[in-house]
């Protein structure tokens, strides 16, 4: 009997072991969650690397147009990549630093942004210059493929990279539910960008026109152009979006699209007010139409955050989209604008400065005096012989009779205050 009990015990132990099955590998840890900061980082890097690769192959454009596009892409990428907030992932930040160094090595071999000498060169010489520039920029290498390699081998970047609309997704990673998707991040990003541009439209003439007569007609036409672009462009941007499967969000999009299309049809199509005296006389009436259109569409742009909250995956995607603000209002607080020379406009007299400007200001650079005004997020520049408008990150140049040029860059803007970089060449 004792032997029988022992045998049964052994059998039970054996059965218990076999029920547990063979040893299995431990479950893989969940992937690092995507973050808004990394999606924003990837958006900047991917978009500019794509632009650089797009200009490697010379198009059918003229040598002058092609070279200008290369110069613009190199300058824009260098500026953006130097300003992008570090990802805090060593391999990713080293990739960006290496590309910036390469771009800064290429730039001295390219013509100045306003160099139009190719337009007057013999065709053979211009084509040779075009080929030389193409070979130069192709020397940057397959930058997007290099970035893909970094993302694929960096788990903490991969999940955010795959969800970034500007990037090409790589190795698939399964995220826990409710999982954001690339398609929903794209939907939210376009919707937020459109909503932001529409809600930012002004309907108050006092916010549109300065009391300086040199600015008045220019600002009216700029308002007309900006409003038309926001309404017509917004309609085109969200018309391409497909259903999210969230009834409230899809209804919001459909209602806004209908309003934008309806008002776009009422807006004047010709914005040549400053170039045509006859058009200039009718400019106030055109602006009145634009103000009415802005007033009609702005209420339709309210409530996006609440609408996306009805779908968990869409809400998670909205939180990652670069153009959206967090639904809980927990956005990182903006740092106050700061400039190297503060508000000391006298520092610009010597020809180089970075200053804070507010409202309308007169600035003297050498023998040139410029009146500046910031309205609607744009910088207006006026002299006795010229006027121009610059958006954030944009550059404007005013030449003088002695052949010198003064360059203005609106580095940052908040309300009616901006950071203005001035240099001479």
Protein backbone atom coordinates (compact mmCIF):
# COMPACT_ATOMS: atom_id res chain seq x y z
CA UNK A 1 0.00 0.00 0.00
CA UNK A 2 2.82 2.38 0.89
CA UNK A 3 4.31 1.78 -2.57
CA UNK A 4 0.92 2.46 -4.19
CA UNK A 5 0.54 5.77 -2.36
CA UNK A 6 4.02 6.77 -3.43
CA UNK A 7 3.24 5.86 -7.03
CA UNK A 8 0.02 7.90 -6.98
CA UNK A 9 1.85 10.86 -5.48
CA UNK A 10 4.49 10.72 -8.19
CA UNK A 11 1.79 10.45 -10.85
CA UNK A 12 -0.03 13.48 -9.45
CA UNK A 13 3.18 15.52 -9.35
CA UNK A 14 3.94 14.48 -12.89
CA UNK A 15 0.44 15.40 -14.02
CA UNK A 16 0.73 18.78 -12.34
CA UNK A 17 3.97 19.47 -14.16
CA UNK A 18 2.56 18.44 -17.50
CA UNK A 19 -0.53 20.67 -16.99
CA UNK A 20 1.74 23.70 -16.61
CA UNK A 21 3.25 22.93 -19.98
CA UNK A 22 6.80 23.52 -21.08
CA UNK A 23 8.65 26.59 -19.88
CA UNK A 24 7.54 29.64 -21.91
CA UNK A 25 9.37 32.93 -22.53
CA UNK A 26 8.27 35.87 -20.36
CA UNK A 27 5.78 38.24 -21.96
CA UNK A 28 7.37 41.09 -23.85
CA UNK A 29 7.10 44.44 -22.07
CA UNK A 30 4.62 46.91 -23.57
CA UNK A 31 6.12 49.39 -26.06
CA UNK A 32 6.95 52.88 -24.82
CA UNK A 33 3.86 55.08 -25.23
CA UNK A 34 3.88 57.75 -27.95
CA UNK A 35 4.23 61.35 -26.80
CA UNK A 36 3.18 64.71 -28.24
CA UNK A 37 6.72 66.06 -27.88
CA UNK A 38 8.18 63.25 -30.00
CA UNK A 39 5.43 63.53 -32.62
CA UNK A 40 6.18 67.28 -32.87
CA UNK A 41 9.91 66.52 -33.16
CA UNK A 42 9.31 63.91 -35.86
CA UNK A 43 6.97 66.27 -37.75
CA UNK A 44 9.68 68.93 -38.08
CA UNK A 45 12.47 66.51 -38.96
CA UNK A 46 10.52 64.35 -41.42
CA UNK A 47 8.91 67.28 -43.26
CA UNK A 48 12.22 69.06 -43.86
CA UNK A 49 14.11 65.90 -44.77
CA UNK A 50 11.42 65.08 -47.32
CA UNK A 51 11.72 68.59 -48.79
CA UNK A 52 15.50 68.17 -49.06
CA UNK A 53 15.18 64.83 -50.84
CA UNK A 54 12.51 66.22 -53.17
CA UNK A 55 14.93 68.83 -54.53
CA UNK A 56 17.76 66.37 -55.12
CA UNK A 57 16.36 65.42 -58.53
CA UNK A 58 16.30 68.47 -60.83
CA UNK A 59 12.81 69.11 -62.09
CA UNK A 60 11.83 70.48 -65.49
CA UNK A 61 11.92 73.99 -64.02
CA UNK A 62 14.38 76.59 -65.19
CA UNK A 63 17.88 76.61 -63.66
CA UNK A 64 17.04 79.80 -61.76
CA UNK A 65 13.82 78.36 -60.27
CA UNK A 66 15.49 75.07 -59.38
CA UNK A 67 18.45 76.69 -57.62
CA UNK A 68 16.12 79.01 -55.70
CA UNK A 69 14.10 76.00 -54.51
CA UNK A 70 17.29 74.27 -53.30
CA UNK A 71 18.46 77.38 -51.47
CA UNK A 72 15.04 77.80 -49.86
CA UNK A 73 14.90 74.14 -48.77
CA UNK A 74 18.42 74.24 -47.31
CA UNK A 75 17.82 77.53 -45.48
CA UNK A 76 14.42 76.47 -44.15
CA UNK A 77 15.69 73.07 -42.99
CA UNK A 78 18.75 74.53 -41.27
CA UNK A 79 16.67 77.10 -39.42
CA UNK A 80 13.97 74.61 -38.37
CA UNK A 81 16.33 71.83 -37.31
CA UNK A 82 18.41 74.23 -35.21
CA UNK A 83 15.25 75.43 -33.46
CA UNK A 84 13.51 72.09 -32.92
CA UNK A 85 13.29 71.04 -29.30
CA UNK A 86 15.67 68.08 -28.68
CA UNK A 87 14.03 64.68 -28.48
CA UNK A 88 16.31 63.69 -25.57
CA UNK A 89 17.02 60.46 -27.44
CA UNK A 90 20.75 60.35 -28.16
CA UNK A 91 20.62 58.64 -31.56
CA UNK A 92 17.83 60.92 -32.82
CA UNK A 93 19.47 64.14 -31.66
CA UNK A 94 22.83 63.03 -33.08
CA UNK A 95 21.12 62.46 -36.44
CA UNK A 96 19.72 66.01 -36.45
CA UNK A 97 23.03 67.53 -35.33
CA UNK A 98 24.85 65.69 -38.13
CA UNK A 99 22.37 66.91 -40.73
CA UNK A 100 22.62 70.52 -39.54
CA UNK A 101 26.41 70.30 -39.78
CA UNK A 102 26.14 68.93 -43.33
CA UNK A 103 23.69 71.68 -44.35
CA UNK A 104 25.95 74.37 -42.92
CA UNK A 105 28.79 72.87 -44.95
CA UNK A 106 26.73 73.00 -48.15
CA UNK A 107 25.28 76.49 -47.71
CA UNK A 108 28.43 78.56 -48.49
CA UNK A 109 28.62 76.78 -51.85
CA UNK A 110 25.12 77.93 -52.82
CA UNK A 111 24.17 81.41 -54.07
CA UNK A 112 22.45 83.97 -51.86
CA UNK A 113 18.68 83.66 -51.52
CA UNK A 114 18.09 86.78 -53.63
CA UNK A 115 20.75 86.05 -56.27
CA UNK A 116 19.11 86.24 -59.70
CA UNK A 117 22.29 86.04 -61.78
CA UNK A 118 21.28 82.69 -63.31
CA UNK A 119 18.48 84.46 -65.17
CA UNK A 120 21.01 86.37 -67.27
CA UNK A 121 23.58 83.61 -67.84
CA UNK A 122 23.83 81.83 -71.20
CA UNK A 123 21.63 78.70 -71.19
CA UNK A 124 24.57 76.28 -71.22
CA UNK A 125 26.19 77.98 -68.21
CA UNK A 126 22.87 78.08 -66.32
CA UNK A 127 22.25 74.38 -66.94
CA UNK A 128 25.77 73.57 -65.76
CA UNK A 129 25.14 75.50 -62.54
CA UNK A 130 21.85 73.65 -62.06
CA UNK A 131 23.64 70.30 -62.40
CA UNK A 132 26.36 71.41 -59.98
CA UNK A 133 23.80 72.42 -57.34
CA UNK A 134 21.91 69.13 -57.78
CA UNK A 135 25.10 67.15 -57.23
CA UNK A 136 25.95 69.27 -54.22
CA UNK A 137 22.65 68.71 -52.44
CA UNK A 138 22.61 65.01 -53.36
CA UNK A 139 25.84 64.74 -51.36
CA UNK A 140 23.73 65.05 -48.22
CA UNK A 141 22.89 61.37 -48.74
CA UNK A 142 19.68 59.43 -48.06
CA UNK A 143 18.78 61.40 -44.96
CA UNK A 144 15.26 60.01 -44.68
CA UNK A 145 16.49 56.41 -44.88
CA UNK A 146 19.00 57.20 -42.16
CA UNK A 147 16.25 58.63 -39.95
CA UNK A 148 14.11 55.55 -40.60
CA UNK A 149 16.97 53.40 -39.35
CA UNK A 150 17.22 55.47 -36.20
CA UNK A 151 13.49 55.17 -35.53
CA UNK A 152 13.35 51.44 -36.24
CA UNK A 153 16.09 50.72 -33.75
CA UNK A 154 14.93 53.11 -31.04
CA UNK A 155 11.80 51.78 -29.25
CA UNK A 156 11.18 55.02 -27.36
CA UNK A 157 10.99 56.91 -30.68
CA UNK A 158 9.38 54.25 -32.88
CA UNK A 159 5.80 54.46 -31.56
CA UNK A 160 5.64 58.25 -31.96
CA UNK A 161 7.42 58.16 -35.33
CA UNK A 162 4.91 55.68 -36.77
CA UNK A 163 1.99 57.93 -35.76
CA UNK A 164 3.49 61.12 -37.25
CA UNK A 165 1.67 62.06 -40.49
CA UNK A 166 4.83 63.63 -41.98
CA UNK A 167 6.88 60.43 -41.54
CA UNK A 168 6.77 57.10 -43.38
CA UNK A 169 5.81 54.40 -40.83
CA UNK A 170 8.27 51.56 -40.29
CA UNK A 171 8.05 48.40 -38.17
CA UNK A 172 4.53 47.91 -36.78
CA UNK A 173 4.14 48.14 -33.03
CA UNK A 174 0.98 46.97 -31.23
CA UNK A 175 -0.24 49.60 -28.77
CA UNK A 176 -2.69 48.91 -25.93
CA UNK A 177 -6.28 50.08 -26.39
CA UNK A 178 -7.60 52.67 -26.81
CA UNK A 179 -4.77 52.96 -29.30
CA UNK A 180 -4.21 56.13 -31.35
CA UNK A 181 -3.76 55.52 -35.07
CA UNK A 182 -1.85 57.31 -37.79
CA UNK A 183 -5.10 57.98 -39.69
CA UNK A 184 -6.80 59.51 -36.65
CA UNK A 185 -3.75 61.63 -35.77
CA UNK A 186 -3.82 62.95 -39.35
CA UNK A 187 -7.57 63.67 -39.08
CA UNK A 188 -7.17 65.50 -35.77
CA UNK A 189 -4.13 67.45 -36.94
CA UNK A 190 -5.85 68.79 -40.06
CA UNK A 191 -9.03 69.60 -38.19
CA UNK A 192 -7.15 71.42 -35.43
CA UNK A 193 -5.08 73.42 -37.91
CA UNK A 194 -8.23 74.50 -39.74
CA UNK A 195 -10.12 75.32 -36.54
CA UNK A 196 -7.19 77.38 -35.25
CA UNK A 197 -6.96 79.44 -38.44
CA UNK A 198 -10.73 80.05 -38.48
CA UNK A 199 -11.09 80.98 -34.81
CA UNK A 200 -8.12 83.34 -35.20
CA UNK A 201 -9.84 85.42 -37.88
CA UNK A 202 -10.69 88.93 -36.80
CA UNK A 203 -14.02 90.65 -37.43
CA UNK A 204 -13.06 93.92 -35.73
CA UNK A 205 -11.78 96.66 -38.04
CA UNK A 206 -9.72 98.08 -35.19
CA UNK A 207 -7.69 94.84 -35.20
CA UNK A 208 -7.28 94.93 -38.97
CA UNK A 209 -6.23 98.46 -39.88
CA UNK A 210 -3.60 100.72 -38.34
CA UNK A 211 -4.15 104.47 -38.28
CA UNK A 212 -1.00 105.01 -40.36
CA UNK A 213 -2.19 105.76 -43.94
CA UNK A 214 0.86 103.96 -45.34
CA UNK A 215 -0.46 100.72 -43.85
CA UNK A 216 -4.22 101.12 -44.25
CA UNK A 217 -4.83 99.84 -47.77
CA UNK A 218 -2.05 97.29 -47.48
CA UNK A 219 -3.48 95.84 -44.27
CA UNK A 220 -7.00 95.77 -45.71
CA UNK A 221 -5.81 93.76 -48.68
CA UNK A 222 -3.70 91.51 -46.45
CA UNK A 223 -6.77 90.85 -44.28
CA UNK A 224 -8.82 90.02 -47.36
CA UNK A 225 -6.15 87.63 -48.63
CA UNK A 226 -5.63 85.97 -45.23
CA UNK A 227 -9.35 85.50 -44.59
CA UNK A 228 -9.98 84.08 -48.06
CA UNK A 229 -7.04 81.71 -47.66
CA UNK A 230 -8.22 80.48 -44.24
CA UNK A 231 -11.78 79.83 -45.42
CA UNK A 232 -11.10 78.42 -48.89
CA UNK A 233 -7.94 76.61 -47.81
CA UNK A 234 -9.62 75.22 -44.72
CA UNK A 235 -12.43 73.77 -46.82
CA UNK A 236 -9.95 72.09 -49.16
CA UNK A 237 -7.92 70.71 -46.24
CA UNK A 238 -10.76 68.99 -44.38
CA UNK A 239 -12.69 67.93 -47.51
CA UNK A 240 -10.14 65.13 -47.99
CA UNK A 241 -10.74 63.65 -44.53
CA UNK A 242 -12.65 60.40 -44.23
CA UNK A 243 -14.99 59.26 -41.47
CA UNK A 244 -13.54 58.61 -38.02
CA UNK A 245 -16.39 56.36 -37.00
CA UNK A 246 -17.19 58.79 -34.17
CA UNK A 247 -20.59 60.32 -34.95
CA UNK A 248 -20.06 63.57 -33.06
CA UNK A 249 -16.65 64.22 -34.64
CA UNK A 250 -17.84 63.42 -38.16
CA UNK A 251 -20.89 65.68 -37.72
CA UNK A 252 -18.61 68.50 -36.51
CA UNK A 253 -16.40 68.13 -39.58
CA UNK A 254 -19.37 67.98 -41.99
CA UNK A 255 -21.01 71.07 -40.47
CA UNK A 256 -17.80 73.10 -40.59
CA UNK A 257 -17.04 71.99 -44.16
CA UNK A 258 -20.50 73.02 -45.34
CA UNK A 259 -20.12 76.48 -43.76
CA UNK A 260 -16.63 77.00 -45.19
CA UNK A 261 -17.72 76.04 -48.70
CA UNK A 262 -20.78 78.26 -48.52
CA UNK A 263 -18.83 81.33 -47.39
CA UNK A 264 -15.91 80.67 -49.75
CA UNK A 265 -18.35 81.03 -52.64
CA UNK A 266 -19.24 84.55 -51.50
CA UNK A 267 -15.68 85.87 -51.26
CA UNK A 268 -14.09 87.98 -54.02
CA UNK A 269 -11.63 86.02 -56.16
CA UNK A 270 -9.38 88.94 -57.17
CA UNK A 271 -7.08 90.37 -54.48
CA UNK A 272 -5.06 92.86 -56.55
CA UNK A 273 -6.26 95.87 -54.64
CA UNK A 274 -2.89 97.55 -54.31
CA UNK A 275 -1.88 97.09 -57.93
CA UNK A 276 -5.11 98.33 -59.49
CA UNK A 277 -6.57 101.78 -58.53
CA UNK A 278 -10.04 100.67 -59.61
CA UNK A 279 -9.83 97.59 -57.42
CA UNK A 280 -8.45 99.69 -54.57
CA UNK A 281 -11.61 101.81 -54.54
CA UNK A 282 -13.72 98.71 -54.00
CA UNK A 283 -11.43 97.22 -51.37
CA UNK A 284 -13.51 98.29 -48.31
CA UNK A 285 -16.57 96.51 -49.77
CA UNK A 286 -14.52 93.37 -50.37
CA UNK A 287 -13.22 93.48 -46.80
CA UNK A 288 -16.80 93.81 -45.55
CA UNK A 289 -17.63 90.56 -47.36
CA UNK A 290 -14.62 88.88 -45.78
CA UNK A 291 -15.61 90.08 -42.31
CA UNK A 292 -19.15 88.74 -42.79
CA UNK A 293 -17.76 85.41 -43.95
CA UNK A 294 -15.44 85.20 -40.94
CA UNK A 295 -18.33 85.99 -38.59
CA UNK A 296 -20.42 83.23 -40.18
CA UNK A 297 -17.83 80.43 -39.95
CA UNK A 298 -16.23 81.16 -36.58
CA UNK A 299 -19.11 79.74 -34.48
CA UNK A 300 -18.97 76.52 -36.53
CA UNK A 301 -15.34 76.04 -35.48
CA UNK A 302 -16.16 75.83 -31.78
CA UNK A 303 -16.43 72.49 -29.98
CA UNK A 304 -13.90 70.20 -31.66
CA UNK A 305 -12.32 69.03 -28.39
CA UNK A 306 -15.71 67.98 -27.02
CA UNK A 307 -16.60 66.16 -30.26
CA UNK A 308 -13.43 64.05 -30.37
CA UNK A 309 -13.93 63.11 -26.71
CA UNK A 310 -16.74 60.75 -27.74
CA UNK A 311 -14.22 58.30 -29.23
CA UNK A 312 -11.41 57.01 -26.97
CA UNK A 313 -8.99 56.23 -29.84
CA UNK A 314 -9.76 59.56 -31.54
CA UNK A 315 -9.29 61.42 -28.26
CA UNK A 316 -5.92 59.71 -27.76
CA UNK A 317 -4.93 60.64 -31.33
CA UNK A 318 -6.03 64.25 -30.79
CA UNK A 319 -3.67 64.50 -27.80
CA UNK A 320 -0.72 63.60 -30.05
CA UNK A 321 -1.52 65.80 -33.08
CA UNK A 322 0.97 68.72 -33.30
CA UNK A 323 -1.69 71.24 -34.38
CA UNK A 324 -4.01 70.40 -31.46
CA UNK A 325 -3.98 71.67 -27.89
CA UNK A 326 -4.42 69.11 -25.09
CA UNK A 327 -8.10 68.66 -24.24
CA UNK A 328 -7.36 68.92 -20.52
CA UNK A 329 -5.68 72.29 -21.03
CA UNK A 330 -2.38 70.96 -19.70
CA UNK A 331 -0.27 72.41 -22.49
CA UNK A 332 3.28 73.37 -21.62
CA UNK A 333 3.19 77.07 -20.64
CA UNK A 334 4.66 79.40 -23.23
CA UNK A 335 7.81 81.23 -22.30
CA UNK A 336 7.58 85.02 -22.66
CA UNK A 337 9.17 86.37 -25.81
CA UNK A 338 12.76 87.49 -25.36
CA UNK A 339 15.28 89.15 -27.67
CA UNK A 340 19.03 89.60 -27.45
CA UNK A 341 18.78 93.41 -27.38
CA UNK A 342 15.44 93.56 -25.55
CA UNK A 343 13.54 96.70 -26.49
CA UNK A 344 16.68 98.72 -27.25
CA UNK A 345 15.86 99.81 -30.81
CA UNK A 346 18.94 102.03 -30.90
CA UNK A 347 21.02 98.82 -31.08
CA UNK A 348 19.78 98.39 -34.66
CA UNK A 349 21.47 101.58 -35.88
CA UNK A 350 24.77 99.74 -36.43
CA UNK A 351 23.08 97.22 -38.74
CA UNK A 352 22.61 94.09 -36.61
CA UNK A 353 20.20 93.48 -33.75
CA UNK A 354 17.46 91.29 -32.33
CA UNK A 355 14.73 93.33 -30.67
CA UNK A 356 11.25 93.05 -29.21
CA UNK A 357 8.73 95.23 -31.02
CA UNK A 358 5.15 95.96 -30.03
CA UNK A 359 2.44 97.63 -32.07
CA UNK A 360 3.78 100.29 -34.41
CA UNK A 361 7.46 101.20 -34.14
CA UNK A 362 10.03 103.23 -36.08
CA UNK A 363 13.44 101.53 -36.40
CA UNK A 364 16.55 103.10 -37.93
CA UNK A 365 19.17 100.83 -39.50
CA UNK A 366 22.08 102.83 -40.85
CA UNK A 367 20.47 105.49 -43.04
CA UNK A 368 17.23 103.52 -43.47
CA UNK A 369 14.19 104.22 -41.27
CA UNK A 370 11.43 101.60 -41.31
CA UNK A 371 8.02 101.74 -39.70
CA UNK A 372 6.91 98.35 -38.38
CA UNK A 373 3.47 97.20 -37.30
CA UNK A 374 2.36 93.76 -36.08
CA UNK A 375 -1.23 92.75 -36.77
CA UNK A 376 -2.85 89.37 -37.22
CA UNK A 377 0.42 87.58 -36.49
CA UNK A 378 2.22 89.33 -39.36
CA UNK A 379 4.86 92.04 -39.53
CA UNK A 380 4.17 95.03 -41.77
CA UNK A 381 7.17 97.04 -42.96
CA UNK A 382 6.88 100.45 -44.60
CA UNK A 383 9.38 103.02 -45.84
CA UNK A 384 8.89 106.08 -48.01
CA UNK A 385 9.37 103.88 -51.08
CA UNK A 386 8.26 100.33 -50.21
CA UNK A 387 5.90 98.15 -48.20
CA UNK A 388 5.90 94.44 -47.38
CA UNK A 389 4.30 91.88 -45.09
CA UNK A 390 6.13 89.00 -43.33
CA UNK A 391 4.65 86.03 -41.47
CA UNK A 392 6.31 84.25 -38.54
CA UNK A 393 9.62 82.74 -39.64
CA UNK A 394 9.52 84.78 -42.84
CA UNK A 395 12.21 87.02 -44.27
CA UNK A 396 12.00 90.38 -46.04
CA UNK A 397 14.71 92.52 -47.58
CA UNK A 398 14.73 96.24 -48.33
CA UNK A 399 17.42 97.51 -50.66
CA UNK A 400 18.84 101.03 -50.72
CA UNK A 401 20.30 103.20 -53.45
CA UNK A 402 23.88 102.34 -52.45
CA UNK A 403 23.27 98.66 -53.24
CA UNK A 404 23.14 97.50 -49.65
CA UNK A 405 20.23 95.50 -48.30
CA UNK A 406 18.63 95.30 -44.86
CA UNK A 407 17.19 91.88 -43.97
CA UNK A 408 14.26 91.50 -41.57
CA UNK A 409 13.27 88.14 -40.03
CA UNK A 410 10.19 87.77 -37.83
CA UNK A 411 11.57 85.04 -35.56
CA UNK A 412 8.59 84.81 -33.22
CA UNK A 413 5.28 86.56 -32.60
CA UNK A 414 2.64 86.62 -29.89
CA UNK A 415 -0.31 88.94 -30.27
CA UNK A 416 1.03 92.37 -31.20
CA UNK A 417 4.57 91.66 -29.97
CA UNK A 418 7.28 90.08 -32.06
CA UNK A 419 10.96 89.18 -32.06
CA UNK A 420 12.61 90.88 -35.01
CA UNK A 421 16.10 89.95 -36.29
CA UNK A 422 17.76 92.64 -38.40
CA UNK A 423 20.98 92.36 -40.36
CA UNK A 424 22.63 94.07 -43.33
CA UNK A 425 24.43 92.66 -46.32
